[in-house]
């Protein structure tokens, strides 16, 4: 987006609240021992969101089933699933 106010509004009201939820989940996973204590949570959130965004923007987007498997695999890599 090239409109700064629109981008700021989108970030503040849509992106940031979802990032905060992701950070909370990852902090809990760290406390429970599923995510390494020294993991950079900002990097993990960016990796998960970026990977998913990249997937859905492909010319032939995945089916819901394929996307579910992809997300589960990504979560497993981070330590959020066994």
PDB file of N, CA and C in Angstrom:
ATOM      1  N   UNK A   1       0.835  -1.172   0.000  1.00  0.00           N
ATOM      2  CA  UNK A   1       0.000   0.000   0.000  1.00  0.00           C
ATOM      3  C   UNK A   1       0.881   1.235   0.000  1.00  0.00           C
ATOM      4  N   UNK A   2       0.449   2.210  -0.744  1.00  0.00           N
ATOM      5  CA  UNK A   2       1.250   3.422  -0.828  1.00  0.00           C
ATOM      6  C   UNK A   2       0.654   4.568  -0.011  1.00  0.00           C
ATOM      7  N   UNK A   3      -0.522   4.388   0.525  1.00  0.00           N
ATOM      8  CA  UNK A   3      -1.153   5.438   1.317  1.00  0.00           C
ATOM      9  C   UNK A   3      -0.797   5.228   2.791  1.00  0.00           C
ATOM     10  N   UNK A   4       0.049   6.095   3.360  1.00  0.00           N
ATOM     11  CA  UNK A   4       0.561   5.881   4.722  1.00  0.00           C
ATOM     12  C   UNK A   4      -0.523   5.768   5.794  1.00  0.00           C
ATOM     13  N   UNK A   5      -1.556   6.593   5.737  1.00  0.00           N
ATOM     14  CA  UNK A   5      -2.597   6.547   6.762  1.00  0.00           C
ATOM     15  C   UNK A   5      -3.397   5.243   6.656  1.00  0.00           C
ATOM     16  N   UNK A   6      -3.693   4.835   5.440  1.00  0.00           N
ATOM     17  CA  UNK A   6      -4.407   3.577   5.241  1.00  0.00           C
ATOM     18  C   UNK A   6      -3.567   2.409   5.747  1.00  0.00           C
ATOM     19  N   UNK A   7      -2.277   2.414   5.443  1.00  0.00           N
ATOM     20  CA  UNK A   7      -1.395   1.346   5.901  1.00  0.00           C
ATOM     21  C   UNK A   7      -1.316   1.319   7.423  1.00  0.00           C
ATOM     22  N   UNK A   8      -1.192   2.489   8.047  1.00  0.00           N
ATOM     23  CA  UNK A   8      -1.123   2.558   9.507  1.00  0.00           C
ATOM     24  C   UNK A   8      -2.414   2.054  10.143  1.00  0.00           C
ATOM     25  N   UNK A   9      -3.545   2.433   9.574  1.00  0.00           N
ATOM     26  CA  UNK A   9      -4.833   1.977  10.090  1.00  0.00           C
ATOM     27  C   UNK A   9      -4.967   0.469   9.955  1.00  0.00           C
ATOM     28  N   UNK A  10      -4.590  -0.059   8.814  1.00  0.00           N
ATOM     29  CA  UNK A  10      -4.645  -1.503   8.579  1.00  0.00           C
ATOM     30  C   UNK A  10      -3.734  -2.236   9.561  1.00  0.00           C
ATOM     31  N   UNK A  11      -2.524  -1.726   9.736  1.00  0.00           N
ATOM     32  CA  UNK A  11      -1.566  -2.352  10.654  1.00  0.00           C
ATOM     33  C   UNK A  11      -2.102  -2.323  12.087  1.00  0.00           C
ATOM     34  N   UNK A  12      -2.583  -1.170  12.519  1.00  0.00           N
ATOM     35  CA  UNK A  12      -3.036  -0.990  13.895  1.00  0.00           C
ATOM     36  C   UNK A  12      -4.274  -1.827  14.224  1.00  0.00           C
ATOM     37  N   UNK A  13      -5.215  -1.882  13.303  1.00  0.00           N
ATOM     38  CA  UNK A  13      -6.504  -2.519  13.599  1.00  0.00           C
ATOM     39  C   UNK A  13      -6.627  -3.956  13.107  1.00  0.00           C
ATOM     40  N   UNK A  14      -5.755  -4.382  12.219  1.00  0.00           N
ATOM     41  CA  UNK A  14      -5.875  -5.741  11.694  1.00  0.00           C
ATOM     42  C   UNK A  14      -4.621  -6.572  11.974  1.00  0.00           C
ATOM     43  N   UNK A  15      -3.487  -6.107  11.532  1.00  0.00           N
ATOM     44  CA  UNK A  15      -2.254  -6.900  11.651  1.00  0.00           C
ATOM     45  C   UNK A  15      -1.770  -6.998  13.095  1.00  0.00           C
ATOM     46  N   UNK A  16      -1.594  -5.878  13.759  1.00  0.00           N
ATOM     47  CA  UNK A  16      -1.004  -5.888  15.095  1.00  0.00           C
ATOM     48  C   UNK A  16      -1.793  -6.722  16.107  1.00  0.00           C
ATOM     49  N   UNK A  17      -3.129  -6.640  16.147  1.00  0.00           N
ATOM     50  CA  UNK A  17      -3.848  -7.495  17.103  1.00  0.00           C
ATOM     51  C   UNK A  17      -3.605  -8.985  16.860  1.00  0.00           C
ATOM     52  N   UNK A  18      -3.488  -9.389  15.616  1.00  0.00           N
ATOM     53  CA  UNK A  18      -3.223 -10.793  15.295  1.00  0.00           C
ATOM     54  C   UNK A  18      -1.793 -11.182  15.662  1.00  0.00           C
ATOM     55  N   UNK A  19      -0.864 -10.261  15.456  1.00  0.00           N
ATOM     56  CA  UNK A  19       0.524 -10.522  15.870  1.00  0.00           C
ATOM     57  C   UNK A  19       0.604 -10.694  17.379  1.00  0.00           C
ATOM     58  N   UNK A  20      -0.113  -9.853  18.109  1.00  0.00           N
ATOM     59  CA  UNK A  20      -0.091  -9.949  19.572  1.00  0.00           C
ATOM     60  C   UNK A  20      -0.641 -11.289  20.037  1.00  0.00           C
ATOM     61  N   UNK A  21      -1.694 -11.775  19.397  1.00  0.00           N
ATOM     62  CA  UNK A  21      -2.212 -13.110  19.728  1.00  0.00           C
ATOM     63  C   UNK A  21      -1.169 -14.185  19.443  1.00  0.00           C
ATOM     64  N   UNK A  22      -0.481 -14.043  18.330  1.00  0.00           N
ATOM     65  CA  UNK A  22       0.565 -15.009  17.978  1.00  0.00           C
ATOM     66  C   UNK A  22       1.699 -14.986  18.991  1.00  0.00           C
ATOM     67  N   UNK A  23       2.102 -13.792  19.409  1.00  0.00           N
ATOM     68  CA  UNK A  23       3.159 -13.691  20.419  1.00  0.00           C
ATOM     69  C   UNK A  23       2.716 -14.350  21.720  1.00  0.00           C
ATOM     70  N   UNK A  24       1.467 -14.126  22.111  1.00  0.00           N
ATOM     71  CA  UNK A  24       0.959 -14.722  23.352  1.00  0.00           C
ATOM     72  C   UNK A  24       0.992 -16.250  23.266  1.00  0.00           C
ATOM     73  N   UNK A  25       0.578 -16.795  22.128  1.00  0.00           N
ATOM     74  CA  UNK A  25       0.606 -18.253  21.956  1.00  0.00           C
ATOM     75  C   UNK A  25       2.031 -18.789  21.995  1.00  0.00           C
ATOM     76  N   UNK A  26       2.945 -18.083  21.352  1.00  0.00           N
ATOM     77  CA  UNK A  26       4.340 -18.534  21.336  1.00  0.00           C
ATOM     78  C   UNK A  26       4.996 -18.395  22.712  1.00  0.00           C
ATOM     79  N   UNK A  27       4.658 -17.348  23.453  1.00  0.00           N
ATOM     80  CA  UNK A  27       5.206 -17.213  24.816  1.00  0.00           C
ATOM     81  C   UNK A  27       4.705 -18.354  25.696  1.00  0.00           C
ATOM     82  N   UNK A  28       3.445 -18.693  25.543  1.00  0.00           N
ATOM     83  CA  UNK A  28       2.888 -19.823  26.299  1.00  0.00           C
ATOM     84  C   UNK A  28       3.585 -21.120  25.907  1.00  0.00           C
ATOM     85  N   UNK A  29       3.810 -21.304  24.607  1.00  0.00           N
ATOM     86  CA  UNK A  29       4.511 -22.505  24.133  1.00  0.00           C
ATOM     87  C   UNK A  29       5.941 -22.535  24.671  1.00  0.00           C
ATOM     88  N   UNK A  30       6.578 -21.378  24.772  1.00  0.00           N
ATOM     89  CA  UNK A  30       7.915 -21.319  25.372  1.00  0.00           C
ATOM     90  C   UNK A  30       7.852 -21.728  26.837  1.00  0.00           C
ATOM     91  N   UNK A  31       6.897 -21.200  27.575  1.00  0.00           N
ATOM     92  CA  UNK A  31       6.762 -21.516  28.995  1.00  0.00           C
ATOM     93  C   UNK A  31       6.484 -23.003  29.209  1.00  0.00           C
ATOM     94  N   UNK A  32       5.768 -23.615  28.262  1.00  0.00           N
ATOM     95  CA  UNK A  32       5.443 -25.041  28.352  1.00  0.00           C
ATOM     96  C   UNK A  32       6.554 -25.933  27.808  1.00  0.00           C
ATOM     97  N   UNK A  33       7.612 -25.316  27.277  1.00  0.00           N
ATOM     98  CA  UNK A  33       8.753 -26.070  26.786  1.00  0.00           C
ATOM     99  C   UNK A  33       8.640 -26.569  25.355  1.00  0.00           C
ATOM    100  N   UNK A  34       7.659 -26.086  24.607  1.00  0.00           N
ATOM    101  CA  UNK A  34       7.488 -26.531  23.224  1.00  0.00           C
ATOM    102  C   UNK A  34       8.296 -25.701  22.233  1.00  0.00           C
ATOM    103  N   UNK A  35       8.580 -24.463  22.606  1.00  0.00           N
ATOM    104  CA  UNK A  35       9.375 -23.570  21.776  1.00  0.00           C
ATOM    105  C   UNK A  35      10.621 -23.225  22.579  1.00  0.00           C
ATOM    106  N   UNK A  36      11.752 -23.221  21.911  1.00  0.00           N
ATOM    107  CA  UNK A  36      13.027 -22.956  22.584  1.00  0.00           C
ATOM    108  C   UNK A  36      12.972 -21.634  23.352  1.00  0.00           C
ATOM    109  N   UNK A  37      13.542 -21.617  24.546  1.00  0.00           N
ATOM    110  CA  UNK A  37      13.494 -20.394  25.358  1.00  0.00           C
ATOM    111  C   UNK A  37      14.203 -19.205  24.708  1.00  0.00           C
ATOM    112  N   UNK A  38      15.163 -19.475  23.844  1.00  0.00           N
ATOM    113  CA  UNK A  38      15.889 -18.379  23.201  1.00  0.00           C
ATOM    114  C   UNK A  38      15.365 -18.074  21.795  1.00  0.00           C
ATOM    115  N   UNK A  39      14.233 -18.651  21.422  1.00  0.00           N
ATOM    116  CA  UNK A  39      13.672 -18.406  20.092  1.00  0.00           C
ATOM    117  C   UNK A  39      13.267 -16.941  19.959  1.00  0.00           C
ATOM    118  N   UNK A  40      13.515 -16.382  18.800  1.00  0.00           N
ATOM    119  CA  UNK A  40      13.121 -15.005  18.503  1.00  0.00           C
ATOM    120  C   UNK A  40      11.664 -15.050  18.021  1.00  0.00           C
ATOM    121  N   UNK A  41      10.759 -14.672  18.901  1.00  0.00           N
ATOM    122  CA  UNK A  41       9.332 -14.808  18.596  1.00  0.00           C
ATOM    123  C   UNK A  41       8.896 -13.919  17.443  1.00  0.00           C
ATOM    124  N   UNK A  42       9.519 -12.780  17.298  1.00  0.00           N
ATOM    125  CA  UNK A  42       9.173 -11.908  16.175  1.00  0.00           C
ATOM    126  C   UNK A  42       9.519 -12.589  14.848  1.00  0.00           C
ATOM    127  N   UNK A  43      10.664 -13.239  14.813  1.00  0.00           N
ATOM    128  CA  UNK A  43      11.056 -13.966  13.602  1.00  0.00           C
ATOM    129  C   UNK A  43      10.079 -15.120  13.345  1.00  0.00           C
ATOM    130  N   UNK A  44       9.698 -15.843  14.397  1.00  0.00           N
ATOM    131  CA  UNK A  44       8.775 -16.964  14.216  1.00  0.00           C
ATOM    132  C   UNK A  44       7.425 -16.490  13.683  1.00  0.00           C
ATOM    133  N   UNK A  45       6.908 -15.402  14.238  1.00  0.00           N
ATOM    134  CA  UNK A  45       5.621 -14.876  13.758  1.00  0.00           C
ATOM    135  C   UNK A  45       5.744 -14.459  12.296  1.00  0.00           C
ATOM    136  N   UNK A  46       6.830 -13.779  11.953  1.00  0.00           N
ATOM    137  CA  UNK A  46       7.028 -13.368  10.563  1.00  0.00           C
ATOM    138  C   UNK A  46       7.156 -14.572   9.636  1.00  0.00           C
ATOM    139  N   UNK A  47       7.869 -15.597  10.085  1.00  0.00           N
ATOM    140  CA  UNK A  47       8.040 -16.801   9.260  1.00  0.00           C
ATOM    141  C   UNK A  47       6.700 -17.485   9.018  1.00  0.00           C
ATOM    142  N   UNK A  48       5.911 -17.640  10.063  1.00  0.00           N
ATOM    143  CA  UNK A  48       4.617 -18.305   9.909  1.00  0.00           C
ATOM    144  C   UNK A  48       3.682 -17.497   9.020  1.00  0.00           C
ATOM    145  N   UNK A  49       3.566 -16.209   9.308  1.00  0.00           N
ATOM    146  CA  UNK A  49       2.672 -15.366   8.510  1.00  0.00           C
ATOM    147  C   UNK A  49       3.162 -15.249   7.065  1.00  0.00           C
ATOM    148  N   UNK A  50       4.473 -15.089   6.901  1.00  0.00           N
ATOM    149  CA  UNK A  50       5.025 -14.966   5.554  1.00  0.00           C
ATOM    150  C   UNK A  50       4.843 -16.222   4.735  1.00  0.00           C
ATOM    151  N   UNK A  51       5.090 -17.363   5.349  1.00  0.00           N
ATOM    152  CA  UNK A  51       4.924 -18.630   4.639  1.00  0.00           C
ATOM    153  C   UNK A  51       3.487 -18.853   4.203  1.00  0.00           C
ATOM    154  N   UNK A  52       2.566 -18.562   5.091  1.00  0.00           N
ATOM    155  CA  UNK A  52       1.147 -18.759   4.774  1.00  0.00           C
ATOM    156  C   UNK A  52       0.712 -17.774   3.691  1.00  0.00           C
ATOM    157  N   UNK A  53       1.130 -16.522   3.812  1.00  0.00           N
ATOM    158  CA  UNK A  53       0.782 -15.522   2.800  1.00  0.00           C
ATOM    159  C   UNK A  53       1.338 -15.918   1.436  1.00  0.00           C
ATOM    160  N   UNK A  54       2.588 -16.344   1.414  1.00  0.00           N
ATOM    161  CA  UNK A  54       3.214 -16.773   0.166  1.00  0.00           C
ATOM    162  C   UNK A  54       2.417 -17.912  -0.459  1.00  0.00           C
ATOM    163  N   UNK A  55       2.008 -18.879   0.356  1.00  0.00           N
ATOM    164  CA  UNK A  55       1.256 -20.031  -0.137  1.00  0.00           C
ATOM    165  C   UNK A  55      -0.048 -19.640  -0.802  1.00  0.00           C
ATOM    166  N   UNK A  56      -0.811 -18.762  -0.141  1.00  0.00           N
ATOM    167  CA  UNK A  56      -2.138 -18.429  -0.677  1.00  0.00           C
ATOM    168  C   UNK A  56      -2.064 -17.489  -1.871  1.00  0.00           C
ATOM    169  N   UNK A  57      -0.921 -16.851  -2.100  1.00  0.00           N
ATOM    170  CA  UNK A  57      -0.793 -15.945  -3.242  1.00  0.00           C
ATOM    171  C   UNK A  57      -0.229 -16.628  -4.486  1.00  0.00           C
ATOM    172  N   UNK A  58      -0.038 -17.937  -4.432  1.00  0.00           N
ATOM    173  CA  UNK A  58       0.455 -18.678  -5.589  1.00  0.00           C
ATOM    174  C   UNK A  58      -0.571 -18.624  -6.721  1.00  0.00           C
ATOM    175  N   UNK A  59      -0.122 -18.757  -7.972  1.00  0.00           N
ATOM    176  CA  UNK A  59      -1.071 -18.751  -9.098  1.00  0.00           C
ATOM    177  C   UNK A  59      -2.136 -19.846  -8.969  1.00  0.00           C
ATOM    178  N   UNK A  60      -1.757 -20.991  -8.429  1.00  0.00           N
ATOM    179  CA  UNK A  60      -2.716 -22.066  -8.173  1.00  0.00           C
ATOM    180  C   UNK A  60      -2.768 -22.280  -6.664  1.00  0.00           C
ATOM    181  N   UNK A  61      -3.599 -21.497  -5.972  1.00  0.00           N
ATOM    182  CA  UNK A  61      -3.606 -21.579  -4.516  1.00  0.00           C
ATOM    183  C   UNK A  61      -3.987 -22.980  -4.034  1.00  0.00           C
ATOM    184  N   UNK A  62      -3.504 -23.351  -2.858  1.00  0.00           N
ATOM    185  CA  UNK A  62      -3.791 -24.678  -2.328  1.00  0.00           C
ATOM    186  C   UNK A  62      -5.262 -24.817  -1.948  1.00  0.00           C
ATOM    187  N   UNK A  63      -5.690 -26.057  -1.914  1.00  0.00           N
ATOM    188  CA  UNK A  63      -7.043 -26.343  -1.431  1.00  0.00           C
ATOM    189  C   UNK A  63      -7.056 -26.132   0.086  1.00  0.00           C
ATOM    190  N   UNK A  64      -8.221 -26.141   0.663  1.00  0.00           N
ATOM    191  CA  UNK A  64      -8.321 -25.999   2.115  1.00  0.00           C
ATOM    192  C   UNK A  64      -7.572 -27.135   2.802  1.00  0.00           C
ATOM    193  N   UNK A  65      -7.700 -28.324   2.295  1.00  0.00           N
ATOM    194  CA  UNK A  65      -7.008 -29.479   2.880  1.00  0.00           C
ATOM    195  C   UNK A  65      -5.484 -29.318   2.789  1.00  0.00           C
ATOM    196  N   UNK A  66      -5.001 -28.901   1.628  1.00  0.00           N
ATOM    197  CA  UNK A  66      -3.562 -28.681   1.460  1.00  0.00           C
ATOM    198  C   UNK A  66      -3.067 -27.576   2.382  1.00  0.00           C
ATOM    199  N   UNK A  67      -3.863 -26.517   2.516  1.00  0.00           N
ATOM    200  CA  UNK A  67      -3.469 -25.411   3.377  1.00  0.00           C
ATOM    201  C   UNK A  67      -3.434 -25.852   4.833  1.00  0.00           C
ATOM    202  N   UNK A  68      -4.388 -26.653   5.237  1.00  0.00           N
ATOM    203  CA  UNK A  68      -4.401 -27.166   6.616  1.00  0.00           C
ATOM    204  C   UNK A  68      -3.137 -27.982   6.886  1.00  0.00           C
ATOM    205  N   UNK A  69      -2.766 -28.839   5.942  1.00  0.00           N
ATOM    206  CA  UNK A  69      -1.538 -29.626   6.107  1.00  0.00           C
ATOM    207  C   UNK A  69      -0.306 -28.731   6.167  1.00  0.00           C
ATOM    208  N   UNK A  70      -0.287 -27.703   5.340  1.00  0.00           N
ATOM    209  CA  UNK A  70       0.848 -26.776   5.320  1.00  0.00           C
ATOM    210  C   UNK A  70       0.967 -26.051   6.661  1.00  0.00           C
ATOM    211  N   UNK A  71      -0.143 -25.542   7.159  1.00  0.00           N
ATOM    212  CA  UNK A  71      -0.129 -24.821   8.429  1.00  0.00           C
ATOM    213  C   UNK A  71       0.277 -25.752   9.566  1.00  0.00           C
ATOM    214  N   UNK A  72      -0.255 -26.964   9.580  1.00  0.00           N
ATOM    215  CA  UNK A  72       0.131 -27.926  10.610  1.00  0.00           C
ATOM    216  C   UNK A  72       1.619 -28.233  10.541  1.00  0.00           C
ATOM    217  N   UNK A  73       2.141 -28.364   9.350  1.00  0.00           N
ATOM    218  CA  UNK A  73       3.570 -28.622   9.184  1.00  0.00           C
ATOM    219  C   UNK A  73       4.395 -27.441   9.684  1.00  0.00           C
ATOM    220  N   UNK A  74       3.972 -26.226   9.352  1.00  0.00           N
ATOM    221  CA  UNK A  74       4.683 -25.032   9.819  1.00  0.00           C
ATOM    222  C   UNK A  74       4.649 -24.958  11.341  1.00  0.00           C
ATOM    223  N   UNK A  75       3.501 -25.209  11.934  1.00  0.00           N
ATOM    224  CA  UNK A  75       3.383 -25.195  13.398  1.00  0.00           C
ATOM    225  C   UNK A  75       4.264 -26.274  14.024  1.00  0.00           C
ATOM    226  N   UNK A  76       4.325 -27.414  13.383  1.00  0.00           N
ATOM    227  CA  UNK A  76       5.154 -28.519  13.890  1.00  0.00           C
ATOM    228  C   UNK A  76       6.638 -28.110  13.869  1.00  0.00           C
ATOM    229  N   UNK A  77       7.065 -27.423  12.810  1.00  0.00           N
ATOM    230  CA  UNK A  77       8.457 -26.989  12.697  1.00  0.00           C
ATOM    231  C   UNK A  77       8.828 -26.017  13.810  1.00  0.00           C
ATOM    232  N   UNK A  78       7.873 -25.198  14.215  1.00  0.00           N
ATOM    233  CA  UNK A  78       8.118 -24.218  15.257  1.00  0.00           C
ATOM    234  C   UNK A  78       8.057 -24.856  16.648  1.00  0.00           C
ATOM    235  N   UNK A  79       7.343 -25.970  16.749  1.00  0.00           N
ATOM    236  CA  UNK A  79       7.212 -26.639  18.033  1.00  0.00           C
ATOM    237  C   UNK A  79       5.833 -26.520  18.643  1.00  0.00           C
ATOM    238  N   UNK A  80       4.880 -25.993  17.871  1.00  0.00           N
ATOM    239  CA  UNK A  80       3.539 -25.815  18.406  1.00  0.00           C
ATOM    240  C   UNK A  80       2.672 -27.069  18.293  1.00  0.00           C
ATOM    241  N   UNK A  81       3.098 -28.013  17.498  1.00  0.00           N
ATOM    242  CA  UNK A  81       2.406 -29.309  17.383  1.00  0.00           C
ATOM    243  C   UNK A  81       3.417 -30.427  17.522  1.00  0.00           C
ATOM    244  N   UNK A  82       2.968 -31.559  18.045  1.00  0.00           N
ATOM    245  CA  UNK A  82       3.903 -32.702  18.182  1.00  0.00           C
ATOM    246  C   UNK A  82       4.268 -33.305  16.825  1.00  0.00           C
TER     247      UNK A  82
END
